[in-house]
Amino acid sequence: MVKQLDYHTIREIFTRFHTAEPEPKGELEHVNVYTLVVAVALSAQATDAGVNKATRALFKIADTPQKMLDLGLEGVTEHIKTIGLFRQKAKNVIKMSQILVDEFGGEVPNSRAALQSLPGVGRKTANVVLNMWWHQPAQAVDTHIFRFGNRSGVAVGKDVDAVERAVEDHIPADFQQHAHHWMILHGRYTCVARKPKCAACLIRDLCLFEDKNL
């Protein structure tokens, strides 16, 4: 495991990310906070592109919990059958929608604990929603951030929770809002799992990864 980078190096890394992409955006398509929760929950063990393809038609007819319930389990299942684990995910979407209607008046709650009480919503999903919709500096650590954080030294940790704490502890406050999007996009397109594109990386001189693919 590489050592944790110092404050000044991390600030320079995120300054470069900001210069290259001042307002990074998540790639999951959604029309409101409810469809964002559904999309993020569906993205577990699936690609954003695959989720977007499946949900475009779904969200046109079911963009509220009640409309999703009206569509029913079979209707939801039919729409998302191209996504991995689609049967269980469809059940979770229906259960989630029922709880939102019964316990939250059809509105999506905006605390991490309340979000995590919903079927199919874990800490990562809750953090994505809090960050993207309510602009909380919540850090959702996925496989891309875990890999990038540990390779580069930006956020070092043995597990997801440790990396989440490292992101919150070490990345300067003025970069916290967009930090997870910068890291996800960098991990998805540059710091990839196999044959990372180090020659095209804008922070390769600051990164601690020893096996750079130059």
N, C-alpha and C. Protein backbone atom coordinates (compact mmCIF):
# COMPACT_ATOMS: atom_id res chain seq x y z
N MET A 1 0.84 -1.19 0.00
CA MET A 1 0.00 0.00 0.00
C MET A 1 0.88 1.25 0.00
N VAL A 2 0.57 2.21 -0.85
CA VAL A 2 1.37 3.43 -0.93
C VAL A 2 1.08 4.30 0.30
N LYS A 3 1.94 5.27 0.53
CA LYS A 3 1.72 6.19 1.65
C LYS A 3 0.67 7.24 1.28
N GLN A 4 0.08 7.83 2.29
CA GLN A 4 -0.91 8.89 2.09
C GLN A 4 -0.19 10.16 1.63
N LEU A 5 -0.66 10.75 0.54
CA LEU A 5 -0.05 11.99 0.04
C LEU A 5 -0.28 13.14 1.01
N ASP A 6 0.59 14.13 0.94
CA ASP A 6 0.48 15.29 1.82
C ASP A 6 -0.53 16.31 1.27
N TYR A 7 -0.87 17.25 2.11
CA TYR A 7 -1.89 18.26 1.78
C TYR A 7 -1.59 19.01 0.50
N HIS A 8 -0.38 19.48 0.34
CA HIS A 8 -0.04 20.33 -0.81
C HIS A 8 -0.13 19.55 -2.12
N THR A 9 0.28 18.29 -2.10
CA THR A 9 0.20 17.48 -3.31
C THR A 9 -1.26 17.20 -3.67
N ILE A 10 -2.06 16.86 -2.68
CA ILE A 10 -3.49 16.61 -2.94
C ILE A 10 -4.17 17.88 -3.45
N ARG A 11 -3.83 19.02 -2.87
CA ARG A 11 -4.43 20.27 -3.35
C ARG A 11 -4.05 20.51 -4.81
N GLU A 12 -2.83 20.22 -5.19
CA GLU A 12 -2.42 20.41 -6.59
C GLU A 12 -3.16 19.43 -7.50
N ILE A 13 -3.35 18.20 -7.06
CA ILE A 13 -4.07 17.20 -7.86
C ILE A 13 -5.49 17.69 -8.15
N PHE A 14 -6.18 18.14 -7.13
CA PHE A 14 -7.57 18.55 -7.33
C PHE A 14 -7.69 19.92 -8.00
N THR A 15 -6.66 20.72 -7.89
CA THR A 15 -6.63 21.96 -8.67
C THR A 15 -6.57 21.63 -10.15
N ARG A 16 -5.78 20.62 -10.51
CA ARG A 16 -5.69 20.20 -11.92
C ARG A 16 -7.01 19.59 -12.38
N PHE A 17 -7.63 18.76 -11.54
CA PHE A 17 -8.94 18.20 -11.90
C PHE A 17 -9.95 19.32 -12.13
N HIS A 18 -9.95 20.32 -11.25
CA HIS A 18 -10.89 21.43 -11.36
C HIS A 18 -10.65 22.23 -12.63
N THR A 19 -9.39 22.46 -12.96
CA THR A 19 -9.05 23.21 -14.17
C THR A 19 -9.53 22.47 -15.41
N ALA A 20 -9.36 21.17 -15.41
CA ALA A 20 -9.76 20.35 -16.57
C ALA A 20 -11.27 20.21 -16.68
N GLU A 21 -11.98 20.13 -15.55
CA GLU A 21 -13.43 19.92 -15.55
C GLU A 21 -14.02 20.60 -14.30
N PRO A 22 -14.34 21.89 -14.39
CA PRO A 22 -14.79 22.63 -13.21
C PRO A 22 -16.07 22.10 -12.57
N GLU A 23 -16.99 21.57 -13.39
CA GLU A 23 -18.28 21.09 -12.87
C GLU A 23 -18.53 19.65 -13.35
N PRO A 24 -17.83 18.68 -12.76
CA PRO A 24 -18.01 17.29 -13.19
C PRO A 24 -19.42 16.81 -12.85
N LYS A 25 -19.97 16.00 -13.71
CA LYS A 25 -21.33 15.51 -13.52
C LYS A 25 -21.36 13.98 -13.47
N GLY A 26 -22.28 13.46 -12.68
CA GLY A 26 -22.51 12.03 -12.68
C GLY A 26 -23.13 11.61 -14.01
N GLU A 27 -22.93 10.38 -14.41
CA GLU A 27 -23.38 9.94 -15.73
C GLU A 27 -24.71 9.20 -15.72
N LEU A 28 -25.28 9.00 -14.54
CA LEU A 28 -26.59 8.36 -14.47
C LEU A 28 -27.70 9.37 -14.79
N GLU A 29 -28.55 9.01 -15.73
CA GLU A 29 -29.63 9.90 -16.13
C GLU A 29 -30.79 9.81 -15.13
N HIS A 30 -31.37 10.97 -14.81
CA HIS A 30 -32.49 11.02 -13.87
C HIS A 30 -33.26 12.32 -14.11
N VAL A 31 -34.51 12.35 -13.64
CA VAL A 31 -35.33 13.55 -13.85
C VAL A 31 -35.70 14.23 -12.54
N ASN A 32 -35.52 13.53 -11.42
CA ASN A 32 -35.78 14.11 -10.10
C ASN A 32 -35.04 13.26 -9.07
N VAL A 33 -35.20 13.61 -7.80
CA VAL A 33 -34.43 12.89 -6.78
C VAL A 33 -34.89 11.43 -6.66
N TYR A 34 -36.16 11.17 -6.86
CA TYR A 34 -36.64 9.78 -6.78
C TYR A 34 -35.99 8.93 -7.88
N THR A 35 -36.00 9.40 -9.10
CA THR A 35 -35.40 8.61 -10.18
C THR A 35 -33.88 8.51 -10.00
N LEU A 36 -33.28 9.49 -9.34
CA LEU A 36 -31.85 9.39 -9.04
C LEU A 36 -31.59 8.24 -8.07
N VAL A 37 -32.40 8.16 -7.01
CA VAL A 37 -32.25 7.06 -6.05
C VAL A 37 -32.40 5.71 -6.75
N VAL A 38 -33.42 5.60 -7.58
CA VAL A 38 -33.65 4.34 -8.30
C VAL A 38 -32.48 4.02 -9.21
N ALA A 39 -32.01 5.01 -9.97
CA ALA A 39 -30.91 4.78 -10.91
C ALA A 39 -29.64 4.34 -10.19
N VAL A 40 -29.32 5.00 -9.09
CA VAL A 40 -28.10 4.65 -8.35
C VAL A 40 -28.22 3.25 -7.76
N ALA A 41 -29.39 2.92 -7.23
CA ALA A 41 -29.60 1.58 -6.68
C ALA A 41 -29.47 0.52 -7.77
N LEU A 42 -29.97 0.82 -8.96
CA LEU A 42 -29.88 -0.14 -10.07
C LEU A 42 -28.46 -0.29 -10.60
N SER A 43 -27.60 0.70 -10.34
CA SER A 43 -26.25 0.69 -10.92
C SER A 43 -25.29 -0.26 -10.21
N ALA A 44 -25.69 -0.82 -9.09
CA ALA A 44 -24.83 -1.79 -8.40
C ALA A 44 -24.56 -2.98 -9.32
N GLN A 45 -23.29 -3.29 -9.52
CA GLN A 45 -22.87 -4.39 -10.39
C GLN A 45 -23.43 -4.23 -11.81
N ALA A 46 -23.52 -2.98 -12.25
CA ALA A 46 -23.96 -2.68 -13.61
C ALA A 46 -23.29 -1.39 -14.05
N THR A 47 -23.23 -1.16 -15.35
CA THR A 47 -22.62 0.07 -15.84
C THR A 47 -23.65 1.18 -15.89
N ASP A 48 -23.19 2.42 -15.79
CA ASP A 48 -24.10 3.56 -15.90
C ASP A 48 -24.78 3.57 -17.26
N ALA A 49 -24.02 3.23 -18.30
CA ALA A 49 -24.60 3.22 -19.64
C ALA A 49 -25.72 2.19 -19.74
N GLY A 50 -25.51 1.03 -19.14
CA GLY A 50 -26.54 -0.01 -19.17
C GLY A 50 -27.78 0.39 -18.39
N VAL A 51 -27.58 1.05 -17.26
CA VAL A 51 -28.72 1.53 -16.46
C VAL A 51 -29.48 2.60 -17.23
N ASN A 52 -28.76 3.54 -17.83
CA ASN A 52 -29.41 4.61 -18.59
C ASN A 52 -30.27 4.04 -19.72
N LYS A 53 -29.74 3.06 -20.41
CA LYS A 53 -30.48 2.45 -21.52
C LYS A 53 -31.78 1.82 -21.04
N ALA A 54 -31.73 1.21 -19.85
CA ALA A 54 -32.91 0.53 -19.32
C ALA A 54 -33.92 1.49 -18.72
N THR A 55 -33.45 2.60 -18.16
CA THR A 55 -34.36 3.47 -17.41
C THR A 55 -34.95 4.62 -18.21
N ARG A 56 -34.45 4.88 -19.40
CA ARG A 56 -34.98 6.01 -20.18
C ARG A 56 -36.49 5.86 -20.39
N ALA A 57 -36.90 4.70 -20.82
CA ALA A 57 -38.33 4.48 -21.05
C ALA A 57 -39.07 4.35 -19.72
N LEU A 58 -38.46 3.72 -18.74
CA LEU A 58 -39.09 3.53 -17.44
C LEU A 58 -39.42 4.86 -16.78
N PHE A 59 -38.46 5.78 -16.77
CA PHE A 59 -38.67 7.05 -16.07
C PHE A 59 -39.65 7.97 -16.79
N LYS A 60 -39.91 7.69 -18.06
CA LYS A 60 -40.91 8.49 -18.77
C LYS A 60 -42.32 8.20 -18.27
N ILE A 61 -42.52 6.99 -17.77
CA ILE A 61 -43.86 6.61 -17.31
C ILE A 61 -43.95 6.42 -15.80
N ALA A 62 -42.79 6.35 -15.13
CA ALA A 62 -42.79 6.12 -13.68
C ALA A 62 -41.69 6.96 -13.03
N ASP A 63 -42.01 8.24 -12.80
CA ASP A 63 -41.02 9.14 -12.21
C ASP A 63 -41.37 9.54 -10.77
N THR A 64 -42.34 8.83 -10.18
CA THR A 64 -42.68 9.02 -8.77
C THR A 64 -42.89 7.64 -8.15
N PRO A 65 -42.81 7.55 -6.82
CA PRO A 65 -43.04 6.25 -6.18
C PRO A 65 -44.41 5.67 -6.51
N GLN A 66 -45.45 6.49 -6.52
CA GLN A 66 -46.78 5.98 -6.80
C GLN A 66 -46.91 5.47 -8.23
N LYS A 67 -46.34 6.18 -9.18
CA LYS A 67 -46.38 5.73 -10.57
C LYS A 67 -45.63 4.41 -10.74
N MET A 68 -44.54 4.24 -9.97
CA MET A 68 -43.79 2.98 -10.04
C MET A 68 -44.63 1.85 -9.48
N LEU A 69 -45.34 2.11 -8.39
CA LEU A 69 -46.23 1.10 -7.82
C LEU A 69 -47.36 0.75 -8.79
N ASP A 70 -47.87 1.78 -9.47
CA ASP A 70 -48.94 1.55 -10.44
C ASP A 70 -48.44 0.67 -11.60
N LEU A 71 -47.17 0.83 -11.96
CA LEU A 71 -46.59 0.01 -13.02
C LEU A 71 -46.51 -1.45 -12.60
N GLY A 72 -46.20 -1.66 -11.31
CA GLY A 72 -46.17 -3.01 -10.78
C GLY A 72 -44.85 -3.73 -10.98
N LEU A 73 -44.68 -4.81 -10.25
CA LEU A 73 -43.44 -5.57 -10.28
C LEU A 73 -43.13 -6.10 -11.68
N GLU A 74 -44.12 -6.66 -12.35
CA GLU A 74 -43.88 -7.22 -13.68
C GLU A 74 -43.46 -6.13 -14.66
N GLY A 75 -44.09 -4.97 -14.57
CA GLY A 75 -43.76 -3.87 -15.47
C GLY A 75 -42.34 -3.36 -15.24
N VAL A 76 -41.97 -3.21 -13.96
CA VAL A 76 -40.61 -2.77 -13.63
C VAL A 76 -39.59 -3.80 -14.10
N THR A 77 -39.87 -5.07 -13.83
CA THR A 77 -38.97 -6.16 -14.23
C THR A 77 -38.74 -6.16 -15.73
N GLU A 78 -39.79 -5.97 -16.49
CA GLU A 78 -39.68 -5.96 -17.95
C GLU A 78 -38.78 -4.82 -18.42
N HIS A 79 -38.87 -3.67 -17.79
CA HIS A 79 -38.07 -2.51 -18.20
C HIS A 79 -36.58 -2.68 -17.90
N ILE A 80 -36.26 -3.36 -16.78
CA ILE A 80 -34.85 -3.39 -16.35
C ILE A 80 -34.20 -4.76 -16.55
N LYS A 81 -34.81 -5.62 -17.37
CA LYS A 81 -34.32 -7.00 -17.50
C LYS A 81 -32.94 -7.10 -18.15
N THR A 82 -32.44 -6.03 -18.72
CA THR A 82 -31.10 -6.05 -19.31
C THR A 82 -30.00 -5.74 -18.28
N ILE A 83 -30.42 -5.40 -17.05
CA ILE A 83 -29.47 -5.05 -15.99
C ILE A 83 -29.19 -6.28 -15.13
N GLY A 84 -27.96 -6.41 -14.68
CA GLY A 84 -27.62 -7.52 -13.80
C GLY A 84 -28.46 -7.54 -12.54
N LEU A 85 -28.81 -8.75 -12.07
CA LEU A 85 -29.61 -8.94 -10.86
C LEU A 85 -30.96 -8.24 -10.94
N PHE A 86 -31.53 -8.20 -12.15
CA PHE A 86 -32.72 -7.38 -12.39
C PHE A 86 -33.94 -7.81 -11.58
N ARG A 87 -34.09 -9.09 -11.31
CA ARG A 87 -35.28 -9.54 -10.57
C ARG A 87 -35.28 -9.01 -9.13
N GLN A 88 -34.14 -9.15 -8.47
CA GLN A 88 -34.05 -8.65 -7.09
C GLN A 88 -34.14 -7.13 -7.07
N LYS A 89 -33.51 -6.49 -8.04
CA LYS A 89 -33.55 -5.03 -8.09
C LYS A 89 -34.96 -4.52 -8.33
N ALA A 90 -35.72 -5.20 -9.16
CA ALA A 90 -37.11 -4.80 -9.41
C ALA A 90 -37.92 -4.91 -8.11
N LYS A 91 -37.72 -5.98 -7.36
CA LYS A 91 -38.41 -6.15 -6.08
C LYS A 91 -38.05 -5.02 -5.12
N ASN A 92 -36.76 -4.65 -5.10
CA ASN A 92 -36.32 -3.56 -4.22
C ASN A 92 -36.94 -2.23 -4.62
N VAL A 93 -37.04 -1.98 -5.93
CA VAL A 93 -37.64 -0.73 -6.40
C VAL A 93 -39.09 -0.64 -5.96
N ILE A 94 -39.82 -1.73 -6.06
CA ILE A 94 -41.22 -1.74 -5.63
C ILE A 94 -41.33 -1.56 -4.12
N LYS A 95 -40.50 -2.30 -3.36
CA LYS A 95 -40.51 -2.17 -1.90
C LYS A 95 -40.14 -0.76 -1.47
N MET A 96 -39.10 -0.20 -2.10
CA MET A 96 -38.66 1.16 -1.82
C MET A 96 -39.79 2.15 -2.08
N SER A 97 -40.45 2.00 -3.20
CA SER A 97 -41.52 2.91 -3.58
C SER A 97 -42.69 2.84 -2.59
N GLN A 98 -42.99 1.63 -2.15
CA GLN A 98 -44.08 1.46 -1.17
C GLN A 98 -43.74 2.14 0.14
N ILE A 99 -42.51 1.99 0.61
CA ILE A 99 -42.08 2.64 1.86
C ILE A 99 -42.12 4.16 1.71
N LEU A 100 -41.68 4.66 0.57
CA LEU A 100 -41.69 6.11 0.35
C LEU A 100 -43.12 6.65 0.40
N VAL A 101 -44.05 5.92 -0.17
CA VAL A 101 -45.45 6.34 -0.16
C VAL A 101 -46.03 6.23 1.26
N ASP A 102 -45.78 5.11 1.92
CA ASP A 102 -46.40 4.84 3.22
C ASP A 102 -45.78 5.64 4.37
N GLU A 103 -44.45 5.82 4.33
CA GLU A 103 -43.77 6.40 5.49
C GLU A 103 -43.22 7.80 5.26
N PHE A 104 -43.07 8.20 4.00
CA PHE A 104 -42.46 9.50 3.72
C PHE A 104 -43.32 10.40 2.84
N GLY A 105 -44.58 10.06 2.71
CA GLY A 105 -45.49 10.89 1.93
C GLY A 105 -45.11 11.02 0.46
N GLY A 106 -44.42 10.00 -0.06
CA GLY A 106 -44.02 10.01 -1.46
C GLY A 106 -42.77 10.83 -1.74
N GLU A 107 -42.17 11.39 -0.69
CA GLU A 107 -40.96 12.21 -0.85
C GLU A 107 -39.71 11.42 -0.44
N VAL A 108 -38.61 11.69 -1.11
CA VAL A 108 -37.35 11.03 -0.76
C VAL A 108 -36.72 11.77 0.42
N PRO A 109 -36.42 11.07 1.52
CA PRO A 109 -35.80 11.73 2.68
C PRO A 109 -34.36 12.13 2.38
N ASN A 110 -33.86 13.11 3.15
CA ASN A 110 -32.51 13.58 2.85
C ASN A 110 -31.54 13.46 4.03
N SER A 111 -31.69 12.39 4.80
CA SER A 111 -30.64 12.02 5.76
C SER A 111 -30.08 10.67 5.33
N ARG A 112 -28.83 10.44 5.65
CA ARG A 112 -28.19 9.18 5.24
C ARG A 112 -28.91 7.99 5.88
N ALA A 113 -29.25 8.11 7.16
CA ALA A 113 -29.90 7.00 7.85
C ALA A 113 -31.25 6.67 7.23
N ALA A 114 -32.03 7.69 6.93
CA ALA A 114 -33.35 7.45 6.33
C ALA A 114 -33.22 6.85 4.94
N LEU A 115 -32.27 7.33 4.17
CA LEU A 115 -32.05 6.77 2.84
C LEU A 115 -31.64 5.31 2.93
N GLN A 116 -30.76 5.00 3.88
CA GLN A 116 -30.26 3.63 4.01
C GLN A 116 -31.33 2.68 4.55
N SER A 117 -32.44 3.22 5.06
CA SER A 117 -33.53 2.37 5.52
C SER A 117 -34.35 1.83 4.35
N LEU A 118 -34.11 2.36 3.15
CA LEU A 118 -34.86 1.94 1.96
C LEU A 118 -34.23 0.68 1.36
N PRO A 119 -35.05 -0.27 0.90
CA PRO A 119 -34.52 -1.49 0.27
C PRO A 119 -33.63 -1.19 -0.93
N GLY A 120 -32.47 -1.81 -0.98
CA GLY A 120 -31.56 -1.62 -2.10
C GLY A 120 -30.68 -0.40 -2.00
N VAL A 121 -30.83 0.37 -0.92
CA VAL A 121 -30.03 1.60 -0.75
C VAL A 121 -29.01 1.39 0.37
N GLY A 122 -27.75 1.31 -0.01
CA GLY A 122 -26.68 1.20 0.97
C GLY A 122 -26.02 2.55 1.18
N ARG A 123 -24.93 2.55 1.91
CA ARG A 123 -24.25 3.80 2.24
C ARG A 123 -23.75 4.51 0.98
N LYS A 124 -23.22 3.73 0.03
CA LYS A 124 -22.70 4.36 -1.19
C LYS A 124 -23.82 5.06 -1.96
N THR A 125 -24.95 4.37 -2.14
CA THR A 125 -26.07 4.97 -2.85
C THR A 125 -26.56 6.22 -2.13
N ALA A 126 -26.69 6.13 -0.81
CA ALA A 126 -27.14 7.28 -0.02
C ALA A 126 -26.19 8.46 -0.21
N ASN A 127 -24.90 8.20 -0.19
CA ASN A 127 -23.93 9.28 -0.34
C ASN A 127 -24.00 9.92 -1.72
N VAL A 128 -24.21 9.10 -2.75
CA VAL A 128 -24.34 9.67 -4.11
C VAL A 128 -25.53 10.61 -4.17
N VAL A 129 -26.66 10.19 -3.62
CA VAL A 129 -27.87 11.01 -3.66
C VAL A 129 -27.69 12.29 -2.84
N LEU A 130 -27.11 12.18 -1.65
CA LEU A 130 -26.87 13.36 -0.82
C LEU A 130 -25.95 14.35 -1.52
N ASN A 131 -24.95 13.83 -2.22
CA ASN A 131 -24.00 14.69 -2.92
C ASN A 131 -24.61 15.32 -4.16
N MET A 132 -25.21 14.50 -5.02
CA MET A 132 -25.68 14.99 -6.31
C MET A 132 -26.93 15.84 -6.20
N TRP A 133 -27.84 15.49 -5.29
CA TRP A 133 -29.10 16.21 -5.23
C TRP A 133 -29.11 17.33 -4.20
N TRP A 134 -28.57 17.03 -3.01
CA TRP A 134 -28.60 18.03 -1.94
C TRP A 134 -27.25 18.71 -1.72
N HIS A 135 -26.28 18.38 -2.55
CA HIS A 135 -24.97 19.05 -2.55
C HIS A 135 -24.25 18.96 -1.20
N GLN A 136 -24.48 17.87 -0.52
CA GLN A 136 -23.70 17.58 0.67
C GLN A 136 -22.35 17.02 0.24
N PRO A 137 -21.28 17.34 0.95
CA PRO A 137 -19.97 16.77 0.60
C PRO A 137 -19.83 15.32 1.06
N ALA A 138 -20.80 14.50 0.68
CA ALA A 138 -20.78 13.07 1.03
C ALA A 138 -19.99 12.32 -0.03
N GLN A 139 -19.17 11.38 0.40
CA GLN A 139 -18.26 10.71 -0.51
C GLN A 139 -18.67 9.26 -0.74
N ALA A 140 -19.06 8.95 -1.95
CA ALA A 140 -19.47 7.60 -2.31
C ALA A 140 -18.27 6.87 -2.91
N VAL A 141 -17.75 5.90 -2.20
CA VAL A 141 -16.55 5.19 -2.65
C VAL A 141 -16.96 3.94 -3.42
N ASP A 142 -16.73 3.97 -4.72
CA ASP A 142 -16.98 2.79 -5.55
C ASP A 142 -15.64 2.17 -5.93
N THR A 143 -15.67 1.20 -6.81
CA THR A 143 -14.43 0.49 -7.18
C THR A 143 -13.41 1.42 -7.83
N HIS A 144 -13.89 2.43 -8.58
CA HIS A 144 -12.97 3.36 -9.25
C HIS A 144 -12.24 4.24 -8.23
N ILE A 145 -12.99 4.76 -7.25
CA ILE A 145 -12.37 5.61 -6.24
C ILE A 145 -11.44 4.79 -5.35
N PHE A 146 -11.86 3.58 -5.00
CA PHE A 146 -11.01 2.72 -4.16
C PHE A 146 -9.68 2.46 -4.85
N ARG A 147 -9.74 2.13 -6.15
CA ARG A 147 -8.52 1.85 -6.91
C ARG A 147 -7.66 3.10 -7.04
N PHE A 148 -8.26 4.20 -7.46
CA PHE A 148 -7.52 5.44 -7.66
C PHE A 148 -6.92 5.96 -6.35
N GLY A 149 -7.73 5.94 -5.28
CA GLY A 149 -7.26 6.46 -4.00
C GLY A 149 -6.03 5.73 -3.50
N ASN A 150 -6.05 4.40 -3.64
CA ASN A 150 -4.94 3.59 -3.15
C ASN A 150 -3.74 3.58 -4.10
N ARG A 151 -3.99 3.66 -5.38
CA ARG A 151 -2.87 3.71 -6.34
C ARG A 151 -2.11 5.03 -6.21
N SER A 152 -2.84 6.10 -6.17
CA SER A 152 -2.24 7.42 -6.24
C SER A 152 -1.71 7.93 -4.92
N GLY A 153 -2.33 7.49 -3.81
CA GLY A 153 -2.00 8.03 -2.51
C GLY A 153 -2.93 9.15 -2.08
N VAL A 154 -3.94 9.45 -2.89
CA VAL A 154 -4.90 10.51 -2.55
C VAL A 154 -5.74 10.12 -1.35
N ALA A 155 -6.20 8.87 -1.31
CA ALA A 155 -7.04 8.39 -0.21
C ALA A 155 -6.72 6.92 0.01
N VAL A 156 -5.88 6.65 0.98
CA VAL A 156 -5.38 5.29 1.20
C VAL A 156 -6.19 4.59 2.29
N GLY A 157 -6.59 3.35 2.02
CA GLY A 157 -7.33 2.59 3.02
C GLY A 157 -7.49 1.15 2.59
N LYS A 158 -7.61 0.25 3.58
CA LYS A 158 -7.72 -1.18 3.30
C LYS A 158 -9.12 -1.60 2.86
N ASP A 159 -10.11 -0.78 3.21
CA ASP A 159 -11.48 -1.11 2.81
C ASP A 159 -12.22 0.17 2.42
N VAL A 160 -13.45 0.00 1.96
CA VAL A 160 -14.23 1.13 1.46
C VAL A 160 -14.43 2.20 2.53
N ASP A 161 -14.74 1.77 3.75
CA ASP A 161 -14.98 2.73 4.83
C ASP A 161 -13.73 3.54 5.14
N ALA A 162 -12.58 2.88 5.11
CA ALA A 162 -11.32 3.58 5.39
C ALA A 162 -11.00 4.59 4.29
N VAL A 163 -11.27 4.23 3.04
CA VAL A 163 -11.03 5.16 1.93
C VAL A 163 -12.00 6.33 2.02
N GLU A 164 -13.25 6.07 2.39
CA GLU A 164 -14.22 7.17 2.55
C GLU A 164 -13.72 8.16 3.60
N ARG A 165 -13.24 7.66 4.72
CA ARG A 165 -12.71 8.54 5.77
C ARG A 165 -11.48 9.29 5.28
N ALA A 166 -10.63 8.62 4.50
CA ALA A 166 -9.43 9.27 3.98
C ALA A 166 -9.79 10.41 3.03
N VAL A 167 -10.81 10.19 2.19
CA VAL A 167 -11.27 11.25 1.29
C VAL A 167 -11.75 12.45 2.10
N GLU A 168 -12.58 12.19 3.11
CA GLU A 168 -13.12 13.27 3.93
C GLU A 168 -12.04 13.97 4.74
N ASP A 169 -11.03 13.21 5.18
CA ASP A 169 -9.99 13.78 6.04
C ASP A 169 -8.92 14.54 5.27
N HIS A 170 -8.60 14.09 4.05
CA HIS A 170 -7.41 14.62 3.38
C HIS A 170 -7.69 15.55 2.20
N ILE A 171 -8.85 15.45 1.58
CA ILE A 171 -9.12 16.34 0.44
C ILE A 171 -9.62 17.67 0.97
N PRO A 172 -9.01 18.78 0.54
CA PRO A 172 -9.38 20.10 1.04
C PRO A 172 -10.87 20.38 0.88
N ALA A 173 -11.42 21.13 1.82
CA ALA A 173 -12.86 21.37 1.88
C ALA A 173 -13.43 21.97 0.60
N ASP A 174 -12.68 22.85 -0.05
CA ASP A 174 -13.20 23.51 -1.25
C ASP A 174 -13.30 22.57 -2.44
N PHE A 175 -12.75 21.36 -2.32
CA PHE A 175 -12.86 20.38 -3.40
C PHE A 175 -13.78 19.21 -3.02
N GLN A 176 -14.31 19.20 -1.81
CA GLN A 176 -15.09 18.06 -1.33
C GLN A 176 -16.37 17.83 -2.14
N GLN A 177 -17.02 18.91 -2.56
CA GLN A 177 -18.30 18.76 -3.25
C GLN A 177 -18.19 17.90 -4.51
N HIS A 178 -17.14 18.14 -5.30
CA HIS A 178 -17.00 17.42 -6.57
C HIS A 178 -15.96 16.30 -6.52
N ALA A 179 -15.36 16.08 -5.36
CA ALA A 179 -14.24 15.13 -5.27
C ALA A 179 -14.60 13.75 -5.81
N HIS A 180 -15.77 13.22 -5.41
CA HIS A 180 -16.05 11.84 -5.81
C HIS A 180 -16.33 11.73 -7.31
N HIS A 181 -16.89 12.78 -7.92
CA HIS A 181 -17.08 12.74 -9.37
C HIS A 181 -15.75 12.82 -10.12
N TRP A 182 -14.86 13.69 -9.67
CA TRP A 182 -13.54 13.75 -10.32
C TRP A 182 -12.84 12.41 -10.24
N MET A 183 -12.88 11.79 -9.06
CA MET A 183 -12.18 10.52 -8.88
C MET A 183 -12.84 9.38 -9.64
N ILE A 184 -14.18 9.33 -9.64
CA ILE A 184 -14.87 8.29 -10.41
C ILE A 184 -14.54 8.39 -11.89
N LEU A 185 -14.63 9.59 -12.44
CA LEU A 185 -14.38 9.78 -13.86
C LEU A 185 -12.92 9.48 -14.21
N HIS A 186 -12.00 9.87 -13.30
CA HIS A 186 -10.59 9.60 -13.55
C HIS A 186 -10.33 8.09 -13.51
N GLY A 187 -10.97 7.41 -12.54
CA GLY A 187 -10.80 5.97 -12.44
C GLY A 187 -11.46 5.22 -13.58
N ARG A 188 -12.56 5.75 -14.08
CA ARG A 188 -13.32 5.08 -15.14
C ARG A 188 -12.64 5.22 -16.51
N TYR A 189 -12.00 6.35 -16.75
CA TYR A 189 -11.49 6.61 -18.10
C TYR A 189 -9.96 6.71 -18.21
N THR A 190 -9.26 6.96 -17.10
CA THR A 190 -7.80 7.10 -17.17
C THR A 190 -7.10 6.09 -16.28
N CYS A 191 -7.43 6.09 -15.00
CA CYS A 191 -6.78 5.18 -14.05
C CYS A 191 -7.56 3.87 -14.01
N VAL A 192 -7.65 3.24 -15.18
CA VAL A 192 -8.45 2.02 -15.33
C VAL A 192 -7.75 0.83 -14.68
N ALA A 193 -8.51 -0.23 -14.43
CA ALA A 193 -7.98 -1.38 -13.70
C ALA A 193 -6.81 -2.04 -14.43
N ARG A 194 -7.00 -2.30 -15.71
CA ARG A 194 -5.94 -2.92 -16.50
C ARG A 194 -5.35 -1.90 -17.46
N LYS A 195 -4.06 -1.87 -17.53
CA LYS A 195 -3.35 -0.95 -18.41
C LYS A 195 -3.82 0.50 -18.22
N PRO A 196 -3.60 1.05 -17.03
CA PRO A 196 -3.98 2.45 -16.79
C PRO A 196 -3.30 3.37 -17.79
N LYS A 197 -4.01 4.42 -18.18
CA LYS A 197 -3.53 5.32 -19.23
C LYS A 197 -2.64 6.42 -18.64
N CYS A 198 -1.55 5.98 -18.03
CA CYS A 198 -0.67 6.91 -17.31
C CYS A 198 -0.06 7.97 -18.21
N ALA A 199 0.22 7.62 -19.45
CA ALA A 199 0.84 8.59 -20.37
C ALA A 199 -0.07 9.78 -20.62
N ALA A 200 -1.38 9.57 -20.50
CA ALA A 200 -2.35 10.64 -20.73
C ALA A 200 -2.87 11.26 -19.44
N CYS A 201 -2.32 10.84 -18.30
CA CYS A 201 -2.82 11.27 -16.99
C CYS A 201 -2.27 12.63 -16.61
N LEU A 202 -3.15 13.54 -16.21
CA LEU A 202 -2.72 14.90 -15.91
C LEU A 202 -2.09 15.02 -14.52
N ILE A 203 -2.06 13.92 -13.74
CA ILE A 203 -1.41 13.98 -12.42
C ILE A 203 -0.32 12.92 -12.29
N ARG A 204 0.18 12.41 -13.41
CA ARG A 204 1.13 11.30 -13.34
C ARG A 204 2.42 11.66 -12.60
N ASP A 205 2.79 12.95 -12.59
CA ASP A 205 4.00 13.37 -11.88
C ASP A 205 3.80 13.45 -10.38
N LEU A 206 2.54 13.42 -9.93
CA LEU A 206 2.22 13.52 -8.51
C LEU A 206 1.78 12.19 -7.91
N CYS A 207 1.33 11.29 -8.75
CA CYS A 207 0.81 9.99 -8.33
C CYS A 207 1.93 9.07 -7.84
N LEU A 208 1.63 8.29 -6.80
CA LEU A 208 2.64 7.41 -6.21
C LEU A 208 2.65 6.00 -6.79
N PHE A 209 1.78 5.71 -7.74
CA PHE A 209 1.71 4.38 -8.35
C PHE A 209 3.04 4.03 -9.01
N GLU A 210 3.62 2.92 -8.60
CA GLU A 210 4.98 2.58 -9.04
C GLU A 210 5.00 1.95 -10.44
N ASP A 211 3.95 1.22 -10.81
CA ASP A 211 3.96 0.51 -12.09
C ASP A 211 3.27 1.31 -13.17
N LYS A 212 3.69 2.54 -13.35
CA LYS A 212 3.04 3.41 -14.33
C LYS A 212 3.21 2.86 -15.73
N ASN A 213 2.14 2.91 -16.50
CA ASN A 213 2.10 2.42 -17.87
C ASN A 213 2.40 3.58 -18.82
N LEU A 214 3.68 3.88 -18.96
CA LEU A 214 4.10 5.07 -19.74
C LEU A 214 4.64 4.65 -21.11
